[in-house]
N, C-alpha and C. Protein backbone atom coordinates (compact mmCIF):
# COMPACT_ATOMS: atom_id res chain seq x y z
N MET A 1 0.90 -1.53 -0.03
CA MET A 1 -0.11 0.15 0.39
C MET A 1 0.93 1.07 -0.43
N ASP A 2 0.47 1.56 -0.89
CA ASP A 2 1.31 3.98 -1.25
C ASP A 2 1.13 4.46 0.36
N VAL A 3 1.43 4.28 1.42
CA VAL A 3 0.76 5.15 2.67
C VAL A 3 0.48 6.85 2.00
N GLU A 4 1.71 7.10 1.15
CA GLU A 4 1.63 8.40 1.12
C GLU A 4 0.71 9.38 0.12
N LYS A 5 0.63 8.14 -0.14
CA LYS A 5 -0.85 8.33 -1.80
C LYS A 5 -1.96 8.95 -0.79
N ILE A 6 -2.79 7.54 -0.11
CA ILE A 6 -3.63 7.60 1.15
C ILE A 6 -3.72 8.12 1.49
N LYS A 7 -2.58 9.55 2.28
CA LYS A 7 -2.32 10.42 3.23
C LYS A 7 -2.76 11.53 2.77
N GLN A 8 -2.50 11.42 0.82
CA GLN A 8 -2.66 12.49 0.36
C GLN A 8 -4.06 12.39 0.07
N ASN A 9 -5.45 11.33 0.17
CA ASN A 9 -6.11 11.79 -0.67
C ASN A 9 -6.94 10.97 0.88
N LEU A 10 -7.19 11.37 1.96
CA LEU A 10 -7.44 10.54 2.92
C LEU A 10 -8.77 11.83 3.34
N ASP A 11 -10.27 10.78 3.13
CA ASP A 11 -11.30 11.78 3.62
C ASP A 11 -12.25 11.03 5.12
N TRP A 12 -11.57 11.94 6.00
CA TRP A 12 -11.82 10.94 7.22
C TRP A 12 -13.58 10.89 7.92
N ASP A 13 -14.33 12.12 6.94
CA ASP A 13 -16.12 11.40 7.34
C ASP A 13 -16.46 11.28 6.18
N TYR A 14 -15.31 10.90 5.51
CA TYR A 14 -16.75 9.87 3.78
C TYR A 14 -18.47 9.32 4.51
N ASN A 15 -19.18 10.19 3.39
CA ASN A 15 -20.54 9.75 4.02
C ASN A 15 -21.13 7.91 2.92
N PHE A 16 -20.73 6.83 3.95
CA PHE A 16 -20.67 5.62 2.65
C PHE A 16 -22.27 5.37 2.66
N GLU A 17 -23.54 6.25 3.42
CA GLU A 17 -24.64 6.15 2.44
C GLU A 17 -24.67 7.55 1.18
N LYS A 18 -24.24 8.59 0.95
CA LYS A 18 -24.22 9.63 0.05
C LYS A 18 -23.74 8.55 -0.81
N GLU A 19 -22.31 8.19 -0.98
CA GLU A 19 -21.75 7.21 -1.92
C GLU A 19 -22.96 6.42 -2.98
N GLN A 20 -23.62 5.63 -2.43
CA GLN A 20 -24.23 5.33 -3.30
C GLN A 20 -25.41 5.84 -4.04
N ASN A 21 -25.98 6.66 -3.91
CA ASN A 21 -26.33 8.01 -4.92
C ASN A 21 -25.64 9.30 -5.55
N SER A 22 -24.45 8.97 -5.47
CA SER A 22 -23.63 10.02 -6.02
C SER A 22 -23.02 9.18 -7.57
N ILE A 23 -23.35 10.32 -8.53
CA ILE A 23 -22.90 9.89 -9.92
C ILE A 23 -20.97 10.72 -10.13
N ASN A 24 -21.38 11.80 -9.10
CA ASN A 24 -20.25 12.20 -9.49
C ASN A 24 -18.75 11.87 -8.37
N ARG A 25 -18.47 11.08 -8.06
CA ARG A 25 -17.83 9.79 -6.30
C ARG A 25 -16.43 10.74 -6.86
N SER A 26 -15.89 11.47 -5.84
CA SER A 26 -14.19 11.98 -5.75
C SER A 26 -13.21 10.31 -5.25
N LEU A 27 -12.57 10.55 -5.86
CA LEU A 27 -11.63 9.63 -5.68
C LEU A 27 -10.34 10.33 -4.22
N CYS A 28 -10.81 9.33 -3.91
CA CYS A 28 -9.93 8.91 -1.88
C CYS A 28 -10.51 7.76 -1.14
N TYR A 29 -9.72 7.84 -0.34
CA TYR A 29 -9.48 7.09 0.48
C TYR A 29 -10.14 7.32 1.68
N THR A 30 -10.45 6.16 2.83
CA THR A 30 -11.44 6.04 3.91
C THR A 30 -10.88 4.99 4.54
N PHE A 31 -10.97 5.39 6.48
CA PHE A 31 -10.94 3.40 6.71
C PHE A 31 -12.81 3.34 7.47
N ALA A 32 -13.04 2.04 7.77
CA ALA A 32 -14.10 2.37 7.88
C ALA A 32 -13.67 0.53 8.75
N VAL A 33 -15.02 0.06 9.42
CA VAL A 33 -14.58 -0.97 10.38
C VAL A 33 -16.10 -1.71 9.61
N ASP A 34 -15.17 -3.38 8.95
CA ASP A 34 -15.99 -3.60 8.62
C ASP A 34 -16.39 -5.34 9.27
N VAL A 35 -17.53 -5.40 9.42
CA VAL A 35 -18.32 -6.26 10.08
C VAL A 35 -19.26 -7.48 9.13
N PHE A 36 -18.20 -8.70 9.05
CA PHE A 36 -18.49 -9.42 8.06
C PHE A 36 -18.50 -10.76 8.88
N GLU A 37 -19.61 -11.60 9.07
CA GLU A 37 -19.56 -12.92 9.72
C GLU A 37 -19.44 -12.92 10.98
N SER A 38 -19.63 -11.56 11.88
CA SER A 38 -19.72 -11.66 13.05
C SER A 38 -18.39 -10.99 13.45
N THR A 39 -17.16 -11.13 12.09
CA THR A 39 -16.23 -10.43 12.83
C THR A 39 -15.26 -8.79 12.39
N PRO A 40 -15.54 -8.00 13.33
CA PRO A 40 -15.67 -6.32 12.88
C PRO A 40 -13.85 -6.81 12.47
N ARG A 41 -13.44 -6.27 11.60
CA ARG A 41 -12.20 -5.88 10.67
C ARG A 41 -12.06 -4.23 10.00
N LEU A 42 -10.49 -4.19 11.11
CA LEU A 42 -10.78 -2.39 10.24
C LEU A 42 -10.17 -2.68 8.77
N VAL A 43 -11.16 -1.63 7.51
CA VAL A 43 -10.18 -1.79 6.56
C VAL A 43 -9.37 -0.38 5.67
N LEU A 44 -9.31 -0.57 4.37
CA LEU A 44 -9.41 0.68 4.20
C LEU A 44 -10.44 0.78 2.69
N TYR A 45 -11.09 2.03 3.01
CA TYR A 45 -11.67 1.70 1.38
C TYR A 45 -11.66 2.81 0.92
N ALA A 46 -11.74 2.68 -0.90
CA ALA A 46 -10.79 3.19 -1.58
C ALA A 46 -11.73 3.53 -2.50
N VAL A 47 -12.12 4.79 -2.68
CA VAL A 47 -13.36 5.03 -3.01
C VAL A 47 -12.99 5.98 -5.12
N LYS A 48 -13.38 4.74 -5.99
CA LYS A 48 -13.26 5.14 -7.60
C LYS A 48 -14.27 5.41 -8.27
N ARG A 49 -13.68 6.03 -9.35
CA ARG A 49 -14.95 6.46 -9.95
C ARG A 49 -15.84 5.12 -10.43
N ASN A 50 -15.79 4.11 -10.77
CA ASN A 50 -16.50 3.32 -10.68
C ASN A 50 -17.63 2.38 -10.20
N GLY A 51 -16.97 2.35 -8.54
CA GLY A 51 -17.00 2.11 -7.72
C GLY A 51 -15.81 1.73 -6.71
N SER A 52 -16.01 1.26 -5.71
CA SER A 52 -15.04 1.24 -4.22
C SER A 52 -14.51 -0.01 -4.01
N MET A 53 -13.81 -0.58 -3.37
CA MET A 53 -13.01 -1.09 -2.62
C MET A 53 -12.34 -1.42 -1.50
N THR A 54 -12.70 -2.61 -1.02
CA THR A 54 -12.08 -2.91 1.33
C THR A 54 -11.13 -3.42 0.76
N ASP A 55 -10.06 -3.45 1.52
CA ASP A 55 -8.90 -3.74 1.99
C ASP A 55 -8.59 -3.92 3.13
N ASP A 56 -8.40 -5.09 4.05
CA ASP A 56 -8.03 -5.88 5.34
C ASP A 56 -6.55 -5.02 5.37
N LEU A 57 -6.39 -4.68 6.66
CA LEU A 57 -5.14 -3.89 7.00
C LEU A 57 -4.12 -4.68 7.64
N ASP A 58 -2.97 -5.24 7.62
CA ASP A 58 -2.76 -6.17 8.30
C ASP A 58 -2.57 -6.78 9.19
N GLU A 59 -1.90 -5.83 9.75
CA GLU A 59 -2.14 -5.02 11.27
C GLU A 59 -3.33 -4.77 11.71
N GLN A 60 -4.25 -5.18 12.79
CA GLN A 60 -5.56 -4.51 13.64
C GLN A 60 -5.83 -3.83 15.10
N PRO A 61 -6.19 -3.75 14.95
CA PRO A 61 -6.44 -2.51 16.19
C PRO A 61 -7.05 -3.99 17.26
N PRO A 62 -7.21 -3.69 18.50
CA PRO A 62 -8.04 -4.62 19.22
C PRO A 62 -9.28 -5.07 18.66
N ARG A 63 -9.57 -6.04 18.63
CA ARG A 63 -10.91 -5.94 18.84
C ARG A 63 -12.00 -5.96 19.82
N GLU A 64 -12.26 -5.58 21.13
CA GLU A 64 -12.36 -4.26 21.26
C GLU A 64 -13.07 -2.98 21.32
N MET A 65 -12.28 -1.86 20.71
CA MET A 65 -12.02 -0.98 20.15
C MET A 65 -12.74 -1.06 19.20
N LEU A 66 -12.97 -2.15 17.96
CA LEU A 66 -13.72 -1.81 16.70
C LEU A 66 -14.88 -2.16 16.80
N LEU A 67 -15.25 -3.09 18.06
CA LEU A 67 -16.71 -3.90 18.29
C LEU A 67 -17.32 -2.77 19.01
N LYS A 68 -16.49 -1.47 20.28
CA LYS A 68 -16.62 -0.21 20.80
C LYS A 68 -17.28 0.88 19.32
N ALA A 69 -16.43 1.58 18.20
CA ALA A 69 -16.92 2.11 17.28
C ALA A 69 -18.50 1.71 16.22
N VAL A 70 -18.22 -0.27 16.17
CA VAL A 70 -19.67 -0.77 16.48
C VAL A 70 -20.84 0.00 16.48
N VAL A 71 -20.56 -0.78 18.42
CA VAL A 71 -22.24 -0.60 19.21
C VAL A 71 -22.60 0.96 19.15
N GLU A 72 -21.36 1.95 19.18
CA GLU A 72 -21.79 2.92 19.55
C GLU A 72 -22.31 4.05 18.62
N GLN A 73 -22.31 2.72 17.15
CA GLN A 73 -22.99 3.48 16.27
C GLN A 73 -24.56 2.91 15.96
N GLY A 74 -24.97 2.18 16.83
CA GLY A 74 -25.98 1.38 17.10
C GLY A 74 -25.84 0.46 16.50
N GLY A 75 -25.01 0.03 16.27
CA GLY A 75 -24.70 -1.32 15.07
C GLY A 75 -24.20 -2.86 16.28
N SER A 76 -23.78 -4.19 15.38
CA SER A 76 -23.57 -4.75 16.76
C SER A 76 -23.42 -6.03 15.35
N LEU A 77 -22.69 -6.85 15.54
CA LEU A 77 -21.78 -8.18 15.05
C LEU A 77 -23.07 -8.42 14.74
N ASP A 78 -24.17 -8.28 14.91
CA ASP A 78 -25.17 -9.49 13.41
C ASP A 78 -25.62 -9.26 12.67
N LYS A 79 -25.31 -8.07 12.08
CA LYS A 79 -25.02 -7.57 10.90
C LYS A 79 -23.97 -6.72 10.50
N SER A 80 -23.54 -7.63 8.63
CA SER A 80 -22.88 -7.65 8.11
C SER A 80 -22.93 -6.45 7.46
N ARG A 81 -21.70 -5.68 7.56
CA ARG A 81 -22.05 -3.44 6.88
C ARG A 81 -20.62 -2.99 7.55
N LEU A 82 -20.30 -2.41 6.87
CA LEU A 82 -19.39 -1.40 6.85
C LEU A 82 -19.98 0.12 7.86
N TYR A 83 -19.20 0.29 8.74
CA TYR A 83 -19.48 0.97 10.18
C TYR A 83 -18.41 2.71 10.08
N LYS A 84 -18.70 3.53 10.13
CA LYS A 84 -17.53 4.64 10.58
C LYS A 84 -16.77 4.10 11.74
N ILE A 85 -15.86 4.69 11.40
CA ILE A 85 -14.34 4.17 12.60
C ILE A 85 -14.87 6.04 13.73
N ASN A 86 -14.36 5.63 14.72
CA ASN A 86 -14.73 6.88 16.40
C ASN A 86 -13.43 7.12 16.62
N GLU A 87 -13.17 8.42 17.60
CA GLU A 87 -11.75 8.94 17.60
C GLU A 87 -10.86 8.23 18.03
N GLU A 88 -11.40 7.01 19.10
CA GLU A 88 -10.30 5.73 19.17
C GLU A 88 -9.69 5.53 17.80
N VAL A 89 -10.51 5.08 17.91
CA VAL A 89 -9.76 3.81 16.07
C VAL A 89 -8.43 4.74 15.50
N ARG A 90 -9.24 6.18 14.95
CA ARG A 90 -9.01 6.70 14.33
C ARG A 90 -7.31 7.09 14.82
N ARG A 91 -6.87 7.55 16.06
CA ARG A 91 -5.93 7.28 16.61
C ARG A 91 -5.48 6.19 16.99
N TRP A 92 -5.62 5.28 16.34
CA TRP A 92 -4.64 4.14 16.35
C TRP A 92 -3.89 3.82 14.97
N ILE A 93 -4.96 4.30 13.85
CA ILE A 93 -5.06 4.47 12.70
C ILE A 93 -3.51 5.64 12.30
N GLU A 94 -3.90 6.31 13.62
CA GLU A 94 -2.61 7.47 12.92
C GLU A 94 -1.37 7.42 13.24
N ASP A 95 -1.33 6.28 14.49
CA ASP A 95 -0.12 5.67 15.26
C ASP A 95 0.14 4.28 14.36
N ASN A 96 -0.36 3.84 13.99
CA ASN A 96 0.30 2.92 13.02
C ASN A 96 0.11 2.08 12.10
N PHE A 97 -0.27 2.83 11.18
CA PHE A 97 -0.42 3.03 9.97
C PHE A 97 -0.25 3.89 8.62
N LEU A 98 -0.51 4.70 9.33
CA LEU A 98 0.23 6.17 8.57
C LEU A 98 1.02 7.17 8.89
N SER A 99 1.80 6.48 10.33
CA SER A 99 2.90 7.00 10.52
C SER A 99 4.16 6.04 9.91
N MET A 100 3.29 4.66 8.88
CA MET A 100 4.55 3.96 8.06
C MET A 100 5.14 4.78 7.64
N ALA A 101 6.50 4.03 7.03
CA ALA A 101 7.36 5.38 6.16
C ALA A 101 6.86 5.16 5.06
N PRO A 102 7.01 6.01 4.19
CA PRO A 102 6.57 6.34 2.10
C PRO A 102 7.28 4.91 1.72
N GLY A 103 6.22 5.09 1.25
CA GLY A 103 6.43 3.75 0.25
C GLY A 103 5.51 2.65 0.19
N CYS A 104 5.54 2.49 2.21
CA CYS A 104 5.37 0.83 2.55
C CYS A 104 3.98 0.15 2.65
């Protein structure tokens, strides 16, 4: 992953619901908690012109931290979907992912 490219195009406040109705999508990256099969995972969410994709981060924050972000939004591990990250997860990303050397 090109961490510098991600940093330059990062949208911390990306609105997943608004994306579905948008035909003029801006190219960007954001982070989300992806709950699939009752397992929360931190993912990098890449928004492209004709679609989007997620990529699991190799290193993951503690499960409890991700679960807290999901529950704060009224979610649960019973429903597979993407959830926004909270401030605690954002700090973890800044300290553990975005601080990586350029080009890693």
